[in-house]
Amino acid sequence: MPIYLDHAATTPLLPQALAAMEEGFRIWANPSSPHKAGRAARAALEDARARIKAALGWDGEVIFTSGASEALEIATKKVSPGKHLQNITSAVEHEAVLRLTPDAVRLGVEADGLVRISELEQVLVAGGPALVAIQQVNSETGVVQDLGPVAVLAKSNNALLLVDAAQGAGKLGLPQADMIALSAHKFGGPVGIGALLVREYGLLHPGGGQERGYRAGTEPLPQVLGMAAALEAGNAWLKCASGLRESLESQLLELGGEVIAANAPRSPTIGAYRMPGKSSAAQLIRFDGAGIAVSAGSACSSGSLKASHVLTAMGVAGLGEVIRVSIGRETTEAEIARFVDVWREIRG
């Protein structure tokens, strides 16, 4: 049986989400239409919006998007005039953020992948109002940023805080932020739906015919319902995932492997591991041949021959020998054991 250990790239659709989507396809009218069928679709959409807010513990606004990447684009490109003058991000952000903010100040990180808060303070004090974009969980290493001090600094310096929570939403509690981007397919929902959580609409400049005028395009009701159902499925499985990751790492260390950012706070579902002397590409081929799906870096950049910008910023030695293993709610002890057996075979 194939073993899937690449849940940070995307997760299987939960049965609850599929059932909700099937119901949504039966409510096929356009939510923006004024007739009875359209009003019924609108009612279902707004009910799902309220359920998503409740599941996330979010008391601000929710703008539905096609995923986290579009949410990040709206957040960085449609900030209301006068709200910010410069972009500030970290050197380990997802490629989607780096592409959207080519002229941003890039904050350095420590060897464990945590943002240098002192650098952020210096930049904020020296500059004017800013948009600070810092991720919650790194998609390559699983490092969880300490966003509490970041939020305090942003607020005290009249800056806005945007958090990429694609790898954290639905698993970890949401951080305090002005805007948060998330994607449903990272927590068991469907591909093609996500959201930008906004503290208040006034932070953004309108630019679209739907979603209160902040996004163009007919709302995909089936996907929204699937997203709500996936969030409501809960995250009790994370305790098991944490145990599986700890077991995996202890075994890899015994086999001469290296755990990247071992001492940093990390997501229970994502780990990056170095196999000295074996290239990432060679490892991926061998694991794939054994029926095990893992990755090297994020899914958005794993097809590139470029060195990981995340591992480079962290100063990781042997960064070309690192792979990522990401665990999901379906992962079992037997699958972890099989992965370790194949690791042992590859290591030689």
C-alpha atoms as a PDB file:
ATOM      1  CA  MET A   1       0.000   0.000   0.000  1.00  0.00           C
ATOM      2  CA  PRO A   2       1.281   3.495  -0.860  1.00  0.00           C
ATOM      3  CA  ILE A   3       2.266   5.659   2.110  1.00  0.00           C
ATOM      4  CA  TYR A   4       1.510   9.372   1.978  1.00  0.00           C
ATOM      5  CA  LEU A   5       3.759  11.540   4.156  1.00  0.00           C
ATOM      6  CA  ASP A   6       3.379  14.849   2.316  1.00  0.00           C
ATOM      7  CA  HIS A   7       0.391  16.373   4.099  1.00  0.00           C
ATOM      8  CA  ALA A   8       2.009  19.820   4.218  1.00  0.00           C
ATOM      9  CA  ALA A   9       1.574  19.917   0.426  1.00  0.00           C
ATOM     10  CA  THR A  10      -2.078  18.903   0.553  1.00  0.00           C
ATOM     11  CA  THR A  11      -4.285  16.636   2.614  1.00  0.00           C
ATOM     12  CA  PRO A  12      -6.900  14.052   1.619  1.00  0.00           C
ATOM     13  CA  LEU A  13     -10.444  15.385   1.483  1.00  0.00           C
ATOM     14  CA  LEU A  14     -12.291  14.471   4.665  1.00  0.00           C
ATOM     15  CA  PRO A  15     -15.527  12.476   4.288  1.00  0.00           C
ATOM     16  CA  GLN A  16     -17.369  15.223   6.180  1.00  0.00           C
ATOM     17  CA  ALA A  17     -16.113  17.797   3.688  1.00  0.00           C
ATOM     18  CA  LEU A  18     -17.103  15.653   0.715  1.00  0.00           C
ATOM     19  CA  ALA A  19     -20.616  15.179   2.085  1.00  0.00           C
ATOM     20  CA  ALA A  20     -20.945  18.928   2.661  1.00  0.00           C
ATOM     21  CA  MET A  21     -19.774  19.645  -0.880  1.00  0.00           C
ATOM     22  CA  GLU A  22     -22.302  17.196  -2.318  1.00  0.00           C
ATOM     23  CA  GLU A  23     -25.030  19.082  -0.481  1.00  0.00           C
ATOM     24  CA  GLY A  24     -23.597  22.334  -1.826  1.00  0.00           C
ATOM     25  CA  PHE A  25     -23.778  21.100  -5.413  1.00  0.00           C
ATOM     26  CA  ARG A  26     -27.510  20.568  -4.880  1.00  0.00           C
ATOM     27  CA  ILE A  27     -27.806  24.241  -3.888  1.00  0.00           C
ATOM     28  CA  TRP A  28     -26.577  25.285  -7.305  1.00  0.00           C
ATOM     29  CA  ALA A  29     -27.877  28.854  -7.552  1.00  0.00           C
ATOM     30  CA  ASN A  30     -25.648  31.938  -7.574  1.00  0.00           C
ATOM     31  CA  PRO A  31     -25.507  33.416  -4.046  1.00  0.00           C
ATOM     32  CA  SER A  32     -25.610  36.904  -5.562  1.00  0.00           C
ATOM     33  CA  SER A  33     -28.902  36.328  -7.390  1.00  0.00           C
ATOM     34  CA  PRO A  34     -31.936  38.103  -5.873  1.00  0.00           C
ATOM     35  CA  HIS A  35     -34.489  35.355  -6.538  1.00  0.00           C
ATOM     36  CA  LYS A  36     -35.568  32.647  -4.099  1.00  0.00           C
ATOM     37  CA  ALA A  37     -32.969  30.086  -5.210  1.00  0.00           C
ATOM     38  CA  GLY A  38     -30.205  32.684  -4.993  1.00  0.00           C
ATOM     39  CA  ARG A  39     -31.347  33.760  -1.546  1.00  0.00           C
ATOM     40  CA  ALA A  40     -31.229  30.151  -0.367  1.00  0.00           C
ATOM     41  CA  ALA A  41     -27.671  29.818  -1.656  1.00  0.00           C
ATOM     42  CA  ARG A  42     -26.745  33.104   0.051  1.00  0.00           C
ATOM     43  CA  ALA A  43     -28.210  31.901   3.335  1.00  0.00           C
ATOM     44  CA  ALA A  44     -26.143  28.690   3.138  1.00  0.00           C
ATOM     45  CA  LEU A  45     -23.021  30.717   2.304  1.00  0.00           C
ATOM     46  CA  GLU A  46     -23.465  33.091   5.228  1.00  0.00           C
ATOM     47  CA  ASP A  47     -24.231  30.230   7.591  1.00  0.00           C
ATOM     48  CA  ALA A  48     -20.957  28.584   6.534  1.00  0.00           C
ATOM     49  CA  ARG A  49     -19.116  31.873   7.031  1.00  0.00           C
ATOM     50  CA  ALA A  50     -20.421  32.073  10.603  1.00  0.00           C
ATOM     51  CA  ARG A  51     -19.495  28.431  11.259  1.00  0.00           C
ATOM     52  CA  ILE A  52     -15.959  29.009   9.973  1.00  0.00           C
ATOM     53  CA  LYS A  53     -15.539  32.036  12.234  1.00  0.00           C
ATOM     54  CA  ALA A  54     -16.779  30.024  15.200  1.00  0.00           C
ATOM     55  CA  ALA A  55     -14.524  27.047  14.429  1.00  0.00           C
ATOM     56  CA  LEU A  56     -11.487  29.321  14.161  1.00  0.00           C
ATOM     57  CA  GLY A  57     -12.408  31.534  17.112  1.00  0.00           C
ATOM     58  CA  TRP A  58     -12.244  34.613  14.850  1.00  0.00           C
ATOM     59  CA  ASP A  59     -14.430  37.643  15.583  1.00  0.00           C
ATOM     60  CA  GLY A  60     -13.404  39.729  12.570  1.00  0.00           C
ATOM     61  CA  GLU A  61     -14.442  39.450   8.933  1.00  0.00           C
ATOM     62  CA  VAL A  62     -13.953  36.576   6.473  1.00  0.00           C
ATOM     63  CA  ILE A  63     -13.312  37.067   2.756  1.00  0.00           C
ATOM     64  CA  PHE A  64     -13.462  33.829   0.771  1.00  0.00           C
ATOM     65  CA  THR A  65     -10.656  33.345  -1.759  1.00  0.00           C
ATOM     66  CA  SER A  66      -9.315  30.581  -4.002  1.00  0.00           C
ATOM     67  CA  GLY A  67      -6.667  29.751  -1.385  1.00  0.00           C
ATOM     68  CA  ALA A  68      -3.945  31.221   0.786  1.00  0.00           C
ATOM     69  CA  SER A  69      -1.955  32.602  -2.154  1.00  0.00           C
ATOM     70  CA  GLU A  70      -4.848  34.774  -3.346  1.00  0.00           C
ATOM     71  CA  ALA A  71      -5.566  35.811   0.231  1.00  0.00           C
ATOM     72  CA  LEU A  72      -1.966  36.970   0.586  1.00  0.00           C
ATOM     73  CA  GLU A  73      -2.191  38.872  -2.677  1.00  0.00           C
ATOM     74  CA  ILE A  74      -5.303  40.747  -1.564  1.00  0.00           C
ATOM     75  CA  ALA A  75      -3.693  41.527   1.785  1.00  0.00           C
ATOM     76  CA  THR A  76      -0.458  42.856   0.287  1.00  0.00           C
ATOM     77  CA  LYS A  77      -1.862  44.625  -2.781  1.00  0.00           C
ATOM     78  CA  LYS A  78      -5.151  46.075  -1.551  1.00  0.00           C
ATOM     79  CA  VAL A  79      -4.230  47.669   1.774  1.00  0.00           C
ATOM     80  CA  SER A  80      -6.106  50.965   2.047  1.00  0.00           C
ATOM     81  CA  PRO A  81      -4.099  54.050   1.016  1.00  0.00           C
ATOM     82  CA  GLY A  82      -2.148  55.466   3.936  1.00  0.00           C
ATOM     83  CA  LYS A  83      -2.273  52.259   5.969  1.00  0.00           C
ATOM     84  CA  HIS A  84       1.335  51.324   5.225  1.00  0.00           C
ATOM     85  CA  LEU A  85       4.421  52.590   3.402  1.00  0.00           C
ATOM     86  CA  GLN A  86       6.757  49.612   3.450  1.00  0.00           C
ATOM     87  CA  ASN A  87       6.614  45.830   3.547  1.00  0.00           C
ATOM     88  CA  ILE A  88       8.556  43.850   6.129  1.00  0.00           C
ATOM     89  CA  THR A  89       8.817  40.054   5.930  1.00  0.00           C
ATOM     90  CA  SER A  90      11.186  37.347   7.111  1.00  0.00           C
ATOM     91  CA  ALA A  91      13.736  35.554   4.967  1.00  0.00           C
ATOM     92  CA  VAL A  92      11.935  32.222   5.496  1.00  0.00           C
ATOM     93  CA  GLU A  93       8.467  33.164   4.251  1.00  0.00           C
ATOM     94  CA  HIS A  94       6.649  31.067   1.678  1.00  0.00           C
ATOM     95  CA  GLU A  95       7.483  31.821  -1.943  1.00  0.00           C
ATOM     96  CA  ALA A  96       4.009  33.322  -2.374  1.00  0.00           C
ATOM     97  CA  VAL A  97       4.882  36.104   0.083  1.00  0.00           C
ATOM     98  CA  LEU A  98       8.369  36.671  -1.299  1.00  0.00           C
ATOM     99  CA  ARG A  99       7.010  37.062  -4.845  1.00  0.00           C
ATOM    100  CA  LEU A 100       4.396  39.567  -3.722  1.00  0.00           C
ATOM    101  CA  THR A 101       6.862  41.710  -1.749  1.00  0.00           C
ATOM    102  CA  PRO A 102      10.037  41.945  -3.864  1.00  0.00           C
ATOM    103  CA  ASP A 103      11.111  45.243  -2.303  1.00  0.00           C
ATOM    104  CA  ALA A 104      10.386  44.280   1.306  1.00  0.00           C
ATOM    105  CA  VAL A 105      12.819  44.446   4.175  1.00  0.00           C
ATOM    106  CA  ARG A 106      13.771  40.813   4.832  1.00  0.00           C
ATOM    107  CA  LEU A 107      14.323  40.013   8.485  1.00  0.00           C
ATOM    108  CA  GLY A 108      16.990  37.455   9.296  1.00  0.00           C
ATOM    109  CA  VAL A 109      16.377  34.337  11.355  1.00  0.00           C
ATOM    110  CA  GLU A 110      18.386  32.466  13.951  1.00  0.00           C
ATOM    111  CA  ALA A 111      19.810  29.011  13.292  1.00  0.00           C
ATOM    112  CA  ASP A 112      16.586  27.529  14.650  1.00  0.00           C
ATOM    113  CA  GLY A 113      14.506  29.430  12.084  1.00  0.00           C
ATOM    114  CA  LEU A 114      12.986  31.952  14.509  1.00  0.00           C
ATOM    115  CA  VAL A 115      12.720  35.556  13.349  1.00  0.00           C
ATOM    116  CA  ARG A 116      15.110  38.042  14.913  1.00  0.00           C
ATOM    117  CA  ILE A 117      12.719  40.230  16.861  1.00  0.00           C
ATOM    118  CA  SER A 118      15.424  42.814  17.525  1.00  0.00           C
ATOM    119  CA  GLU A 119      15.750  43.406  13.772  1.00  0.00           C
ATOM    120  CA  LEU A 120      12.011  43.895  13.443  1.00  0.00           C
ATOM    121  CA  GLU A 121      12.012  46.452  16.236  1.00  0.00           C
ATOM    122  CA  GLN A 122      14.866  48.389  14.628  1.00  0.00           C
ATOM    123  CA  VAL A 123      13.137  48.487  11.236  1.00  0.00           C
ATOM    124  CA  LEU A 124       9.781  49.520  12.681  1.00  0.00           C
ATOM    125  CA  VAL A 125      11.266  52.268  14.840  1.00  0.00           C
ATOM    126  CA  ALA A 126      13.367  53.630  11.973  1.00  0.00           C
ATOM    127  CA  GLY A 127      10.651  53.508   9.329  1.00  0.00           C
ATOM    128  CA  GLY A 128       7.068  54.654   8.940  1.00  0.00           C
ATOM    129  CA  PRO A 129       3.823  52.647   8.983  1.00  0.00           C
ATOM    130  CA  ALA A 130       4.389  49.179   7.614  1.00  0.00           C
ATOM    131  CA  LEU A 131       2.797  45.878   6.685  1.00  0.00           C
ATOM    132  CA  VAL A 132       4.600  43.106   8.546  1.00  0.00           C
ATOM    133  CA  ALA A 133       4.087  39.667   6.968  1.00  0.00           C
ATOM    134  CA  ILE A 134       5.292  36.806   9.169  1.00  0.00           C
ATOM    135  CA  GLN A 135       4.218  33.166   8.860  1.00  0.00           C
ATOM    136  CA  GLN A 136       2.784  31.093  11.679  1.00  0.00           C
ATOM    137  CA  VAL A 137       4.313  27.732  10.698  1.00  0.00           C
ATOM    138  CA  ASN A 138       7.116  27.211   8.211  1.00  0.00           C
ATOM    139  CA  SER A 139       6.076  24.768   5.510  1.00  0.00           C
ATOM    140  CA  GLU A 140       9.560  23.257   5.129  1.00  0.00           C
ATOM    141  CA  THR A 141      10.736  22.882   8.722  1.00  0.00           C
ATOM    142  CA  GLY A 142       7.561  23.097  10.802  1.00  0.00           C
ATOM    143  CA  VAL A 143       9.065  25.874  12.951  1.00  0.00           C
ATOM    144  CA  VAL A 144       6.338  27.832  14.747  1.00  0.00           C
ATOM    145  CA  GLN A 145       7.069  31.532  15.042  1.00  0.00           C
ATOM    146  CA  ASP A 146       6.484  33.332  18.337  1.00  0.00           C
ATOM    147  CA  LEU A 147       4.027  35.887  17.005  1.00  0.00           C
ATOM    148  CA  GLY A 148       3.072  37.422  20.344  1.00  0.00           C
ATOM    149  CA  PRO A 149       6.035  39.837  20.456  1.00  0.00           C
ATOM    150  CA  VAL A 150       5.619  40.509  16.725  1.00  0.00           C
ATOM    151  CA  ALA A 151       1.998  41.551  17.245  1.00  0.00           C
ATOM    152  CA  VAL A 152       2.950  43.827  20.162  1.00  0.00           C
ATOM    153  CA  LEU A 153       5.689  45.520  18.144  1.00  0.00           C
ATOM    154  CA  ALA A 154       3.428  45.960  15.136  1.00  0.00           C
ATOM    155  CA  LYS A 155       0.637  47.540  17.174  1.00  0.00           C
ATOM    156  CA  SER A 156       2.942  49.862  19.103  1.00  0.00           C
ATOM    157  CA  ASN A 157       4.510  51.116  15.873  1.00  0.00           C
ATOM    158  CA  ASN A 158       1.291  51.658  13.902  1.00  0.00           C
ATOM    159  CA  ALA A 159       2.029  48.686  11.646  1.00  0.00           C
ATOM    160  CA  LEU A 160      -0.334  46.021  10.300  1.00  0.00           C
ATOM    161  CA  LEU A 161       0.405  42.352  10.907  1.00  0.00           C
ATOM    162  CA  LEU A 162      -0.375  39.815   8.170  1.00  0.00           C
ATOM    163  CA  VAL A 163       0.077  36.147   9.089  1.00  0.00           C
ATOM    164  CA  ASP A 164       0.357  33.309   6.604  1.00  0.00           C
ATOM    165  CA  ALA A 165      -1.405  30.560   8.570  1.00  0.00           C
ATOM    166  CA  ALA A 166      -1.720  28.037   5.736  1.00  0.00           C
ATOM    167  CA  GLN A 167       0.106  25.388   7.789  1.00  0.00           C
ATOM    168  CA  GLY A 168      -1.383  26.375  11.140  1.00  0.00           C
ATOM    169  CA  ALA A 169      -5.068  27.126  10.639  1.00  0.00           C
ATOM    170  CA  GLY A 170      -7.268  24.230  11.651  1.00  0.00           C
ATOM    171  CA  LYS A 171      -4.426  22.753  13.687  1.00  0.00           C
ATOM    172  CA  LEU A 172      -3.028  25.477  15.959  1.00  0.00           C
ATOM    173  CA  GLY A 173      -4.869  28.391  17.518  1.00  0.00           C
ATOM    174  CA  LEU A 174      -4.939  31.558  15.447  1.00  0.00           C
ATOM    175  CA  PRO A 175      -2.444  34.286  16.382  1.00  0.00           C
ATOM    176  CA  GLN A 176      -3.392  37.877  17.115  1.00  0.00           C
ATOM    177  CA  ALA A 177      -3.151  39.653  13.775  1.00  0.00           C
ATOM    178  CA  ASP A 178      -4.832  42.206  11.532  1.00  0.00           C
ATOM    179  CA  MET A 179      -5.069  39.781   8.607  1.00  0.00           C
ATOM    180  CA  ILE A 180      -4.623  36.007   8.344  1.00  0.00           C
ATOM    181  CA  ALA A 181      -4.410  33.894   5.187  1.00  0.00           C
ATOM    182  CA  LEU A 182      -5.456  30.245   5.136  1.00  0.00           C
ATOM    183  CA  SER A 183      -6.223  27.423   2.714  1.00  0.00           C
ATOM    184  CA  ALA A 184      -8.782  24.640   3.185  1.00  0.00           C
ATOM    185  CA  HIS A 185      -6.855  21.834   1.496  1.00  0.00           C
ATOM    186  CA  LYS A 186      -4.202  22.012   4.217  1.00  0.00           C
ATOM    187  CA  PHE A 187      -6.670  20.774   6.863  1.00  0.00           C
ATOM    188  CA  GLY A 188      -8.841  18.277   5.006  1.00  0.00           C
ATOM    189  CA  GLY A 189     -11.016  20.648   3.012  1.00  0.00           C
ATOM    190  CA  PRO A 190     -11.222  20.941  -0.777  1.00  0.00           C
ATOM    191  CA  VAL A 191      -8.628  22.462  -3.089  1.00  0.00           C
ATOM    192  CA  GLY A 192      -9.569  25.842  -4.520  1.00  0.00           C
ATOM    193  CA  ILE A 193     -10.985  27.539  -1.451  1.00  0.00           C
ATOM    194  CA  GLY A 194      -9.373  29.577   1.297  1.00  0.00           C
ATOM    195  CA  ALA A 195      -9.929  32.809   3.126  1.00  0.00           C
ATOM    196  CA  LEU A 196      -8.455  36.096   4.191  1.00  0.00           C
ATOM    197  CA  LEU A 197      -9.449  36.861   7.751  1.00  0.00           C
ATOM    198  CA  VAL A 198      -9.558  40.638   8.246  1.00  0.00           C
ATOM    199  CA  ARG A 199      -9.921  42.432  11.563  1.00  0.00           C
ATOM    200  CA  GLU A 200     -12.065  45.040   9.790  1.00  0.00           C
ATOM    201  CA  TYR A 201     -12.938  45.736   6.164  1.00  0.00           C
ATOM    202  CA  GLY A 202     -11.565  49.270   6.400  1.00  0.00           C
ATOM    203  CA  LEU A 203      -8.015  47.901   6.279  1.00  0.00           C
ATOM    204  CA  LEU A 204      -8.523  47.047   2.611  1.00  0.00           C
ATOM    205  CA  HIS A 205      -9.398  48.970  -0.528  1.00  0.00           C
ATOM    206  CA  PRO A 206     -12.438  47.388  -2.264  1.00  0.00           C
ATOM    207  CA  GLY A 207     -11.851  45.889  -5.688  1.00  0.00           C
ATOM    208  CA  GLY A 208     -14.372  43.276  -6.817  1.00  0.00           C
ATOM    209  CA  GLY A 209     -18.007  42.480  -7.322  1.00  0.00           C
ATOM    210  CA  GLN A 210     -18.404  39.812  -4.658  1.00  0.00           C
ATOM    211  CA  GLU A 211     -17.426  39.303  -1.000  1.00  0.00           C
ATOM    212  CA  ARG A 212     -18.631  42.764   0.042  1.00  0.00           C
ATOM    213  CA  GLY A 213     -16.746  44.165  -2.907  1.00  0.00           C
ATOM    214  CA  TYR A 214     -13.325  42.893  -1.836  1.00  0.00           C
ATOM    215  CA  ARG A 215     -13.013  39.969  -4.248  1.00  0.00           C
ATOM    216  CA  ALA A 216     -14.290  39.283  -7.767  1.00  0.00           C
ATOM    217  CA  GLY A 217     -15.863  35.985  -8.765  1.00  0.00           C
ATOM    218  CA  THR A 218     -18.954  33.973  -7.896  1.00  0.00           C
ATOM    219  CA  GLU A 219     -18.589  32.385  -4.476  1.00  0.00           C
ATOM    220  CA  PRO A 220     -18.019  28.605  -4.806  1.00  0.00           C
ATOM    221  CA  LEU A 221     -20.661  27.459  -2.331  1.00  0.00           C
ATOM    222  CA  PRO A 222     -19.810  23.716  -2.394  1.00  0.00           C
ATOM    223  CA  GLN A 223     -16.149  24.418  -1.587  1.00  0.00           C
ATOM    224  CA  VAL A 224     -17.094  26.859   1.185  1.00  0.00           C
ATOM    225  CA  LEU A 225     -19.362  24.249   2.775  1.00  0.00           C
ATOM    226  CA  GLY A 226     -16.583  21.684   2.505  1.00  0.00           C
ATOM    227  CA  MET A 227     -14.168  24.058   4.192  1.00  0.00           C
ATOM    228  CA  ALA A 228     -16.567  24.661   7.075  1.00  0.00           C
ATOM    229  CA  ALA A 229     -17.111  20.932   7.583  1.00  0.00           C
ATOM    230  CA  ALA A 230     -13.370  20.231   7.567  1.00  0.00           C
ATOM    231  CA  LEU A 231     -12.735  22.839  10.248  1.00  0.00           C
ATOM    232  CA  GLU A 232     -15.561  21.481  12.380  1.00  0.00           C
ATOM    233  CA  ALA A 233     -13.988  18.006  12.249  1.00  0.00           C
ATOM    234  CA  GLY A 234     -11.550  19.282  14.864  1.00  0.00           C
ATOM    235  CA  ASN A 235      -7.879  18.612  15.584  1.00  0.00           C
ATOM    236  CA  ALA A 236      -7.897  16.004  18.355  1.00  0.00           C
ATOM    237  CA  TRP A 237      -5.723  13.836  16.100  1.00  0.00           C
ATOM    238  CA  LEU A 238      -2.752  16.182  16.599  1.00  0.00           C
ATOM    239  CA  LYS A 239      -1.820  14.497  19.881  1.00  0.00           C
ATOM    240  CA  CYS A 240      -1.284  11.250  17.996  1.00  0.00           C
ATOM    241  CA  ALA A 241       0.620  13.079  15.260  1.00  0.00           C
ATOM    242  CA  SER A 242       2.956  14.570  17.845  1.00  0.00           C
ATOM    243  CA  GLY A 243       3.747  11.113  19.220  1.00  0.00           C
ATOM    244  CA  LEU A 244       4.392   9.757  15.732  1.00  0.00           C
ATOM    245  CA  ARG A 245       6.780  12.591  14.917  1.00  0.00           C
ATOM    246  CA  GLU A 246       8.686  12.152  18.168  1.00  0.00           C
ATOM    247  CA  SER A 247       9.017   8.416  17.532  1.00  0.00           C
ATOM    248  CA  LEU A 248      10.182   9.040  13.973  1.00  0.00           C
ATOM    249  CA  GLU A 249      12.807  11.546  15.045  1.00  0.00           C
ATOM    250  CA  SER A 250      14.259   9.410  17.814  1.00  0.00           C
ATOM    251  CA  GLN A 251      14.709   6.554  15.340  1.00  0.00           C
ATOM    252  CA  LEU A 252      16.265   8.757  12.655  1.00  0.00           C
ATOM    253  CA  LEU A 253      18.742  10.174  15.166  1.00  0.00           C
ATOM    254  CA  GLU A 254      19.803   6.631  16.065  1.00  0.00           C
ATOM    255  CA  LEU A 255      20.407   6.000  12.364  1.00  0.00           C
ATOM    256  CA  GLY A 256      22.664   9.046  11.992  1.00  0.00           C
ATOM    257  CA  GLY A 257      20.045  11.428  10.685  1.00  0.00           C
ATOM    258  CA  GLU A 258      19.782  15.090  11.645  1.00  0.00           C
ATOM    259  CA  VAL A 259      16.603  16.863  12.753  1.00  0.00           C
ATOM    260  CA  ILE A 260      16.451  20.411  11.418  1.00  0.00           C
ATOM    261  CA  ALA A 261      15.553  23.025  14.070  1.00  0.00           C
ATOM    262  CA  ALA A 262      15.245  20.260  16.657  1.00  0.00           C
ATOM    263  CA  ASN A 263      15.117  22.665  19.603  1.00  0.00           C
ATOM    264  CA  ALA A 264      12.686  25.172  18.122  1.00  0.00           C
ATOM    265  CA  PRO A 265       8.931  25.087  18.727  1.00  0.00           C
ATOM    266  CA  ARG A 266       7.583  23.076  15.803  1.00  0.00           C
ATOM    267  CA  SER A 267       4.305  21.878  14.395  1.00  0.00           C
ATOM    268  CA  PRO A 268       3.515  18.279  15.369  1.00  0.00           C
ATOM    269  CA  THR A 269       2.846  17.504  11.703  1.00  0.00           C
ATOM    270  CA  ILE A 270       5.989  18.726   9.899  1.00  0.00           C
ATOM    271  CA  GLY A 271       9.647  17.729  10.196  1.00  0.00           C
ATOM    272  CA  ALA A 272      12.754  18.287   8.077  1.00  0.00           C
ATOM    273  CA  TYR A 273      15.506  15.665   8.198  1.00  0.00           C
ATOM    274  CA  ARG A 274      19.006  15.438   6.790  1.00  0.00           C
ATOM    275  CA  MET A 275      20.543  12.186   5.612  1.00  0.00           C
ATOM    276  CA  PRO A 276      24.297  12.954   5.416  1.00  0.00           C
ATOM    277  CA  GLY A 277      25.892  11.864   2.171  1.00  0.00           C
ATOM    278  CA  LYS A 278      22.628  11.338   0.265  1.00  0.00           C
ATOM    279  CA  SER A 279      21.148  14.071  -1.908  1.00  0.00           C
ATOM    280  CA  SER A 280      17.529  15.065  -1.466  1.00  0.00           C
ATOM    281  CA  ALA A 281      16.794  14.140  -5.080  1.00  0.00           C
ATOM    282  CA  ALA A 282      18.232  10.662  -4.657  1.00  0.00           C
ATOM    283  CA  GLN A 283      16.236  10.156  -1.486  1.00  0.00           C
ATOM    284  CA  LEU A 284      12.982  11.242  -3.105  1.00  0.00           C
ATOM    285  CA  ILE A 285      13.507   8.799  -5.962  1.00  0.00           C
ATOM    286  CA  ARG A 286      14.222   5.918  -3.606  1.00  0.00           C
ATOM    287  CA  PHE A 287      11.296   6.694  -1.307  1.00  0.00           C
ATOM    288  CA  ASP A 288       8.952   7.120  -4.256  1.00  0.00           C
ATOM    289  CA  GLY A 289      10.117   3.802  -5.659  1.00  0.00           C
ATOM    290  CA  ALA A 290       9.254   2.235  -2.317  1.00  0.00           C
ATOM    291  CA  GLY A 291       5.765   3.716  -2.477  1.00  0.00           C
ATOM    292  CA  ILE A 292       6.373   6.497   0.045  1.00  0.00           C
ATOM    293  CA  ALA A 293       5.480  10.105  -0.784  1.00  0.00           C
ATOM    294  CA  VAL A 294       7.686  12.735   0.872  1.00  0.00           C
ATOM    295  CA  SER A 295       9.133  15.999  -0.428  1.00  0.00           C
ATOM    296  CA  ALA A 296      12.119  18.309  -0.392  1.00  0.00           C
ATOM    297  CA  GLY A 297      11.024  21.809   0.546  1.00  0.00           C
ATOM    298  CA  SER A 298       7.564  23.232  -0.092  1.00  0.00           C
ATOM    299  CA  ALA A 299       5.386  21.850  -2.855  1.00  0.00           C
ATOM    300  CA  CYS A 300       5.511  25.205  -4.651  1.00  0.00           C
ATOM    301  CA  SER A 301       9.290  25.023  -5.062  1.00  0.00           C
ATOM    302  CA  SER A 302      10.166  21.321  -4.834  1.00  0.00           C
ATOM    303  CA  GLY A 303      10.373  21.030  -8.627  1.00  0.00           C
ATOM    304  CA  SER A 304      13.142  23.617  -8.706  1.00  0.00           C
ATOM    305  CA  LEU A 305      16.843  22.868  -8.619  1.00  0.00           C
ATOM    306  CA  LYS A 306      17.467  25.955  -6.489  1.00  0.00           C
ATOM    307  CA  ALA A 307      18.659  25.501  -2.931  1.00  0.00           C
ATOM    308  CA  SER A 308      15.968  26.039  -0.317  1.00  0.00           C
ATOM    309  CA  HIS A 309      15.852  29.708   0.662  1.00  0.00           C
ATOM    310  CA  VAL A 310      14.548  28.647   4.072  1.00  0.00           C
ATOM    311  CA  LEU A 311      17.428  26.313   4.892  1.00  0.00           C
ATOM    312  CA  THR A 312      19.892  28.802   3.394  1.00  0.00           C
ATOM    313  CA  ALA A 313      18.622  31.578   5.669  1.00  0.00           C
ATOM    314  CA  MET A 314      18.985  29.248   8.659  1.00  0.00           C
ATOM    315  CA  GLY A 315      22.563  28.385   7.699  1.00  0.00           C
ATOM    316  CA  VAL A 316      21.823  24.653   7.548  1.00  0.00           C
ATOM    317  CA  ALA A 317      24.834  22.539   6.622  1.00  0.00           C
ATOM    318  CA  GLY A 318      24.159  19.925   3.955  1.00  0.00           C
ATOM    319  CA  LEU A 319      20.921  21.606   2.944  1.00  0.00           C
ATOM    320  CA  GLY A 320      20.934  19.602  -0.296  1.00  0.00           C
ATOM    321  CA  GLU A 321      20.481  16.447   1.772  1.00  0.00           C
ATOM    322  CA  VAL A 322      17.264  17.437   3.560  1.00  0.00           C
ATOM    323  CA  ILE A 323      13.783  16.060   2.980  1.00  0.00           C
ATOM    324  CA  ARG A 324      10.453  16.945   4.548  1.00  0.00           C
ATOM    325  CA  VAL A 325       8.093  14.470   6.183  1.00  0.00           C
ATOM    326  CA  SER A 326       4.601  15.731   7.016  1.00  0.00           C
ATOM    327  CA  ILE A 327       2.069  13.723   8.972  1.00  0.00           C
ATOM    328  CA  GLY A 328      -1.715  13.712   8.641  1.00  0.00           C
ATOM    329  CA  ARG A 329      -4.663  12.431  10.618  1.00  0.00           C
ATOM    330  CA  GLU A 330      -4.544   9.178   8.626  1.00  0.00           C
ATOM    331  CA  THR A 331      -0.869   8.436   9.341  1.00  0.00           C
ATOM    332  CA  THR A 332      -0.208   5.247  11.317  1.00  0.00           C
ATOM    333  CA  GLU A 333       2.615   3.779  13.388  1.00  0.00           C
ATOM    334  CA  ALA A 334       3.075   1.085  10.748  1.00  0.00           C
ATOM    335  CA  GLU A 335       3.620   3.730   8.072  1.00  0.00           C
ATOM    336  CA  ILE A 336       6.239   5.497  10.181  1.00  0.00           C
ATOM    337  CA  ALA A 337       7.964   2.151  10.786  1.00  0.00           C
ATOM    338  CA  ARG A 338       8.012   1.457   7.042  1.00  0.00           C
ATOM    339  CA  PHE A 339       9.475   4.903   6.364  1.00  0.00           C
ATOM    340  CA  VAL A 340      12.260   4.262   8.883  1.00  0.00           C
ATOM    341  CA  ASP A 341      13.012   0.883   7.279  1.00  0.00           C
ATOM    342  CA  VAL A 342      13.401   2.504   3.853  1.00  0.00           C
ATOM    343  CA  TRP A 343      15.498   5.313   5.359  1.00  0.00           C
ATOM    344  CA  ARG A 344      17.805   2.644   6.786  1.00  0.00           C
ATOM    345  CA  GLU A 345      18.074   0.966   3.358  1.00  0.00           C
ATOM    346  CA  ILE A 346      18.907   4.244   1.627  1.00  0.00           C
ATOM    347  CA  ARG A 347      21.390   5.284   4.284  1.00  0.00           C
ATOM    348  CA  GLY A 348      23.248   2.004   3.781  1.00  0.00           C
END
